Amino acid sequence: MKTFFDCVPCFVRQALDAARMATDNEEVQEKILRETMRVGAGLSFSQTPPEMGREVHVLVRNLTGNADPYINVKREFNGKALALLPEMKKHMRQARDRLDVAARLAIAGNIIDFGVTAHVGDFSLEKIIEDSLARAYAVGHLEELRQALAGAKKILYLADNAGEIVFDQLLLEEIGFGRVTAAVKGEPIINDATMADAEETGLTKLVRVIDNGADYPGTVLRKCSASFQQEFAAADLVIAKGQGNYETLSEEKSRRIFFLLKAKCPSIARDLGCEIGGIVIKDNARV
């Protein structure tokens, strides 16, 4: 997906959010904002939003010396999500359609996205879960996913955010831990999940977990490690969580990909043809 004009104010807002998390020094914060606008002026709109967004966060890291400005919120939401796991398992026990409920819970976790807003803490995760369980799909290729899963032996699951990866556990269990490899980011970027988050939340005890060797808030294949690219090419089926993975892989046709996300911004909603807030299971084989 290309970058829309409406994405530009979001990059500036991300820069300010990250700068404030990384340092209290207002002079450094101002420098980050000015550098963000300077660098942004030279970027191509043919790039995906995560490619442009990464440049913002590289600036923040370089100018503050803080390699992981979001580390505290990642730990916070890993803990909050783990505390909700028993309640989510209760929903699974009561489910008439376990795949549907597991997918809805995984999508509910996609609200934990500090790339879209710095005010995730203002939301009640419990209410988000209830909304996701009750809301109609804005794009609902659930039956296509069910059929694709039935024939897939090697599934690559592209994780998105810290905290969210706890919500993913229910779907991973429903799919079958033994045939899934989960992929996290190779280095910290916004609040995306890394191997440290996978270990902290117990994901590494459930499935094989790899990292993609990159620090983009999505999956930019050409920037990922050779070993990850091999895993991607060998997968029978790819499940990609979150907006960043949709933005970077929506035009990728070499693999069957299902995108699971909550449409949290106007540009994503417009590209998907749905309303803001819509919950989405999108099959890349469908036009």
Protein backbone atom coordinates (compact mmCIF):
# COMPACT_ATOMS: atom_id res chain seq x y z
CA MET A 1 0.00 0.00 0.00
CA LYS A 2 1.38 3.40 -0.93
CA THR A 3 1.63 6.29 1.50
CA PHE A 4 -1.32 8.70 1.45
CA PHE A 5 -1.03 12.44 2.06
CA ASP A 6 -3.04 11.91 5.26
CA CYS A 7 -0.19 9.74 6.60
CA VAL A 8 2.17 12.71 6.85
CA PRO A 9 0.65 14.34 9.96
CA CYS A 10 0.71 10.90 11.57
CA PHE A 11 4.48 10.64 11.04
CA VAL A 12 4.99 13.98 12.77
CA ARG A 13 2.71 12.94 15.63
CA GLN A 14 4.62 9.64 15.96
CA ALA A 15 7.88 11.57 16.11
CA LEU A 16 6.59 13.75 18.94
CA ASP A 17 5.14 10.77 20.86
CA ALA A 18 8.37 8.81 20.53
CA ALA A 19 10.51 11.83 21.40
CA ARG A 20 8.54 12.40 24.61
CA MET A 21 8.88 8.75 25.57
CA ALA A 22 12.61 8.77 24.84
CA THR A 23 13.61 12.02 26.58
CA ASP A 24 12.33 14.90 28.70
CA ASN A 25 14.73 17.30 27.01
CA GLU A 26 12.58 19.73 25.02
CA GLU A 27 15.52 20.91 22.95
CA VAL A 28 16.08 17.34 21.77
CA GLN A 29 12.35 16.92 21.17
CA GLU A 30 12.35 20.04 19.01
CA LYS A 31 15.36 18.79 17.06
CA ILE A 32 13.58 15.50 16.41
CA LEU A 33 10.51 17.29 15.09
CA ARG A 34 12.56 19.55 12.81
CA GLU A 35 14.60 16.63 11.50
CA THR A 36 11.43 14.62 10.94
CA MET A 37 9.99 17.37 8.77
CA ARG A 38 13.27 17.76 6.88
CA VAL A 39 13.63 14.04 6.17
CA GLY A 40 9.93 13.67 5.41
CA ALA A 41 10.12 16.33 2.72
CA GLY A 42 12.47 14.14 0.71
CA LEU A 43 10.66 10.81 1.02
CA SER A 44 8.70 9.24 -1.81
CA PHE A 45 4.97 8.65 -1.48
CA SER A 46 5.46 5.45 -3.47
CA GLN A 47 6.95 3.94 -0.32
CA THR A 48 4.74 2.15 2.17
CA PRO A 49 3.90 4.01 5.39
CA PRO A 50 6.08 1.71 7.55
CA GLU A 51 9.10 2.47 5.37
CA MET A 52 8.59 6.18 5.92
CA GLY A 53 7.65 5.68 9.56
CA ARG A 54 10.85 3.77 10.28
CA GLU A 55 12.88 6.81 9.30
CA VAL A 56 11.11 8.78 12.05
CA HIS A 57 11.98 6.24 14.71
CA VAL A 58 15.59 5.88 13.55
CA LEU A 59 15.88 9.65 14.05
CA VAL A 60 14.50 9.35 17.56
CA ARG A 61 16.89 6.55 18.47
CA ASN A 62 19.90 8.34 17.03
CA LEU A 63 19.16 11.75 18.56
CA THR A 64 18.28 10.47 22.04
CA GLY A 65 20.52 7.43 22.34
CA ASN A 66 17.46 5.48 23.49
CA ALA A 67 17.34 2.20 21.55
CA ASP A 68 13.85 1.25 22.73
CA PRO A 69 11.70 4.25 23.79
CA TYR A 70 8.58 2.06 24.09
CA ILE A 71 10.07 -0.63 26.34
CA ASN A 72 8.01 0.35 29.40
CA VAL A 73 4.66 0.41 27.58
CA LYS A 74 5.49 -2.92 25.96
CA ARG A 75 6.07 -4.48 29.36
CA GLU A 76 2.92 -2.83 30.70
CA PHE A 77 0.69 -4.22 27.96
CA ASN A 78 2.31 -7.64 28.03
CA GLY A 79 1.24 -7.76 31.67
CA LYS A 80 -2.25 -6.40 31.03
CA ALA A 81 -2.85 -8.91 28.25
CA LEU A 82 -1.60 -11.84 30.31
CA ALA A 83 -4.00 -10.83 33.09
CA LEU A 84 -6.87 -11.08 30.58
CA LEU A 85 -5.83 -14.49 29.25
CA PRO A 86 -8.04 -16.53 31.64
CA GLU A 87 -11.11 -14.53 30.57
CA MET A 88 -10.24 -14.98 26.90
CA LYS A 89 -9.87 -18.73 27.44
CA LYS A 90 -13.34 -18.70 29.00
CA HIS A 91 -14.71 -17.16 25.80
CA MET A 92 -13.04 -19.95 23.86
CA ARG A 93 -14.58 -22.66 26.04
CA GLN A 94 -18.02 -21.15 25.43
CA ALA A 95 -17.53 -20.66 21.68
CA ARG A 96 -19.80 -22.30 19.16
CA ASP A 97 -17.32 -21.47 16.40
CA ARG A 98 -13.88 -21.61 17.93
CA LEU A 99 -12.03 -20.27 14.88
CA ASP A 100 -14.35 -17.28 14.67
CA VAL A 101 -13.96 -16.42 18.35
CA ALA A 102 -10.19 -16.97 18.29
CA ALA A 103 -9.85 -14.68 15.25
CA ARG A 104 -12.00 -12.01 16.90
CA LEU A 105 -9.89 -12.13 20.06
CA ALA A 106 -6.69 -11.85 18.03
CA ILE A 107 -8.13 -8.84 16.20
CA ALA A 108 -9.20 -7.26 19.50
CA GLY A 109 -5.56 -7.26 20.58
CA ASN A 110 -4.67 -5.16 17.55
CA ILE A 111 -5.91 -2.07 19.41
CA ILE A 112 -2.58 -2.06 21.33
CA ASP A 113 -0.88 0.07 18.70
CA PHE A 114 1.23 3.06 19.73
CA GLY A 115 2.00 3.78 16.09
CA VAL A 116 -1.59 4.93 15.64
CA THR A 117 -2.15 6.63 19.00
CA ALA A 118 -0.25 7.33 22.18
CA HIS A 119 -3.48 7.01 24.16
CA VAL A 120 -3.98 3.23 24.05
CA GLY A 121 -4.10 3.29 27.83
CA ASP A 122 -7.34 5.26 27.63
CA PHE A 123 -9.11 2.22 26.20
CA SER A 124 -10.58 -0.62 28.24
CA LEU A 125 -9.20 -3.84 26.80
CA GLU A 126 -12.16 -5.70 28.30
CA LYS A 127 -14.59 -3.47 26.36
CA ILE A 128 -12.52 -3.86 23.19
CA ILE A 129 -12.82 -7.63 23.54
CA GLU A 130 -16.58 -7.47 23.99
CA ASP A 131 -16.91 -5.16 21.00
CA SER A 132 -14.79 -7.43 18.81
CA LEU A 133 -16.85 -10.48 19.78
CA ALA A 134 -20.14 -8.72 19.00
CA ARG A 135 -19.27 -6.58 15.96
CA ALA A 136 -19.92 -7.76 12.40
CA TYR A 137 -16.85 -8.12 10.24
CA ALA A 138 -16.19 -5.12 8.01
CA VAL A 139 -14.27 -7.50 5.74
CA GLY A 140 -15.02 -11.07 6.70
CA HIS A 141 -13.19 -13.78 4.79
CA LEU A 142 -13.50 -16.21 7.71
CA GLU A 143 -14.68 -19.17 5.63
CA GLU A 144 -11.82 -18.68 3.17
CA LEU A 145 -9.43 -18.71 6.13
CA ARG A 146 -11.04 -21.87 7.48
CA GLN A 147 -10.63 -23.61 4.15
CA ALA A 148 -7.05 -22.42 3.71
CA LEU A 149 -6.11 -23.64 7.18
CA ALA A 150 -7.55 -27.06 6.45
CA GLY A 151 -5.01 -27.63 3.68
CA ALA A 152 -1.96 -25.88 5.17
CA LYS A 153 0.86 -27.80 6.80
CA LYS A 154 3.35 -24.94 7.27
CA ILE A 155 1.90 -21.65 8.51
CA LEU A 156 3.86 -18.45 9.10
CA TYR A 157 2.18 -16.10 11.58
CA LEU A 158 3.46 -12.52 11.39
CA ALA A 159 2.98 -10.98 14.83
CA ASP A 160 2.39 -7.28 15.36
CA ASN A 161 2.55 -5.64 18.78
CA ALA A 162 3.65 -6.47 22.30
CA GLY A 163 0.60 -7.35 24.40
CA GLU A 164 -1.25 -8.24 21.22
CA ILE A 165 0.83 -11.41 20.96
CA VAL A 166 -0.97 -12.72 24.06
CA PHE A 167 -4.31 -12.34 22.26
CA ASP A 168 -2.78 -14.24 19.35
CA GLN A 169 -2.16 -17.30 21.52
CA LEU A 170 -5.82 -18.33 21.34
CA LEU A 171 -5.79 -18.33 17.55
CA LEU A 172 -2.43 -20.08 17.40
CA GLU A 173 -3.76 -22.82 19.67
CA GLU A 174 -6.88 -23.21 17.54
CA ILE A 175 -4.77 -23.48 14.39
CA GLY A 176 -2.43 -25.98 16.06
CA PHE A 177 0.87 -24.99 17.63
CA GLY A 178 2.83 -27.71 15.83
CA ARG A 179 2.35 -26.34 12.33
CA VAL A 180 2.90 -22.65 13.10
CA THR A 181 6.02 -20.52 13.15
CA ALA A 182 5.50 -17.07 14.66
CA ALA A 183 7.66 -14.17 13.51
CA VAL A 184 8.50 -11.06 15.53
CA LYS A 185 10.62 -8.01 14.67
CA GLY A 186 14.39 -8.27 14.65
CA GLU A 187 14.94 -5.02 16.55
CA PRO A 188 12.73 -2.66 18.60
CA ILE A 189 10.44 -0.41 16.59
CA ILE A 190 7.50 1.46 18.19
CA ASN A 191 5.72 -1.13 20.40
CA ASP A 192 6.07 -4.00 17.93
CA ALA A 193 6.82 -7.37 19.49
CA THR A 194 10.41 -8.60 19.57
CA MET A 195 11.88 -11.89 20.77
CA ALA A 196 12.09 -10.43 24.29
CA ASP A 197 8.32 -9.92 24.26
CA ALA A 198 7.74 -13.42 22.91
CA GLU A 199 9.77 -14.81 25.79
CA GLU A 200 8.13 -12.55 28.39
CA THR A 201 4.62 -13.60 27.37
CA GLY A 202 5.40 -17.30 27.08
CA LEU A 203 4.91 -17.43 23.31
CA THR A 204 8.28 -19.17 22.82
CA LYS A 205 7.04 -22.04 24.99
CA LEU A 206 4.04 -22.61 22.72
CA VAL A 207 5.34 -22.28 19.16
CA ARG A 208 8.56 -21.91 17.24
CA VAL A 209 9.38 -18.18 17.16
CA ILE A 210 11.78 -16.48 14.77
CA ASP A 211 12.61 -12.85 14.12
CA ASN A 212 12.51 -11.22 10.71
CA GLY A 213 15.91 -9.55 11.01
CA ALA A 214 14.51 -6.06 10.46
CA ASP A 215 13.19 -3.06 12.37
CA TYR A 216 10.31 -1.86 10.19
CA PRO A 217 6.81 -1.54 11.72
CA GLY A 218 5.55 -4.05 9.16
CA THR A 219 7.17 -6.66 6.93
CA VAL A 220 9.29 -5.14 4.18
CA LEU A 221 10.46 -8.39 2.62
CA ARG A 222 13.52 -7.03 0.82
CA LYS A 223 14.77 -5.62 4.13
CA CYS A 224 14.24 -8.83 6.09
CA SER A 225 16.97 -11.39 6.71
CA ALA A 226 17.68 -14.10 4.15
CA SER A 227 16.58 -16.76 6.62
CA PHE A 228 13.23 -15.03 7.16
CA GLN A 229 12.70 -14.63 3.43
CA GLN A 230 13.25 -18.38 3.08
CA GLU A 231 10.66 -19.04 5.80
CA PHE A 232 8.21 -16.77 4.03
CA ALA A 233 8.77 -18.46 0.67
CA ALA A 234 8.36 -21.94 2.19
CA ALA A 235 5.09 -21.22 3.99
CA ASP A 236 1.89 -22.78 2.68
CA LEU A 237 -0.06 -19.96 4.28
CA VAL A 238 0.80 -16.61 5.89
CA ILE A 239 -1.34 -14.92 8.54
CA ALA A 240 -0.35 -11.28 8.98
CA LYS A 241 -1.51 -9.27 11.98
CA GLY A 242 -2.03 -5.54 12.11
CA GLN A 243 -2.01 -2.44 9.95
CA GLY A 244 1.76 -2.37 9.36
CA ASN A 245 1.76 -5.85 7.86
CA TYR A 246 -1.22 -4.95 5.70
CA GLU A 247 0.48 -1.76 4.51
CA THR A 248 3.68 -3.60 3.54
CA LEU A 249 2.23 -6.86 2.19
CA SER A 250 -1.16 -5.94 0.71
CA GLU A 251 0.23 -6.15 -2.82
CA GLU A 252 2.31 -9.30 -2.21
CA LYS A 253 0.95 -12.19 -4.30
CA SER A 254 3.70 -14.80 -4.02
CA ARG A 255 1.98 -16.37 -1.00
CA ARG A 256 -1.60 -16.77 0.20
CA ILE A 257 -1.90 -14.17 2.96
CA PHE A 258 -4.73 -13.47 5.36
CA PHE A 259 -4.64 -10.08 7.06
CA LEU A 260 -6.21 -9.81 10.51
CA LEU A 261 -6.55 -6.30 11.88
CA LYS A 262 -8.66 -3.51 13.23
CA ALA A 263 -8.87 -0.57 10.80
CA LYS A 264 -7.73 2.25 13.05
CA CYS A 265 -7.00 5.10 10.63
CA PRO A 266 -8.75 6.69 7.64
CA SER A 267 -6.11 5.65 5.10
CA ILE A 268 -6.29 1.96 6.03
CA ALA A 269 -10.08 2.03 6.15
CA ARG A 270 -10.23 3.67 2.74
CA ASP A 271 -7.84 1.14 1.22
CA LEU A 272 -9.88 -1.74 2.65
CA GLY A 273 -13.20 -0.15 1.76
CA CYS A 274 -14.51 -0.23 5.32
CA GLU A 275 -15.30 2.10 8.20
CA ILE A 276 -12.80 3.19 10.83
CA GLY A 277 -12.96 0.71 13.70
CA GLY A 278 -13.94 -2.17 11.45
CA ILE A 279 -12.60 -5.63 12.22
CA VAL A 280 -11.06 -7.34 9.25
CA ILE A 281 -10.12 -10.78 7.94
CA LYS A 282 -8.85 -10.07 4.43
CA ASP A 283 -7.81 -12.77 1.96
CA ASN A 284 -5.22 -11.45 -0.49
CA ALA A 285 -6.56 -13.92 -3.06
CA ARG A 286 -9.82 -11.98 -3.12
CA VAL A 287 -10.08 -8.74 -5.07
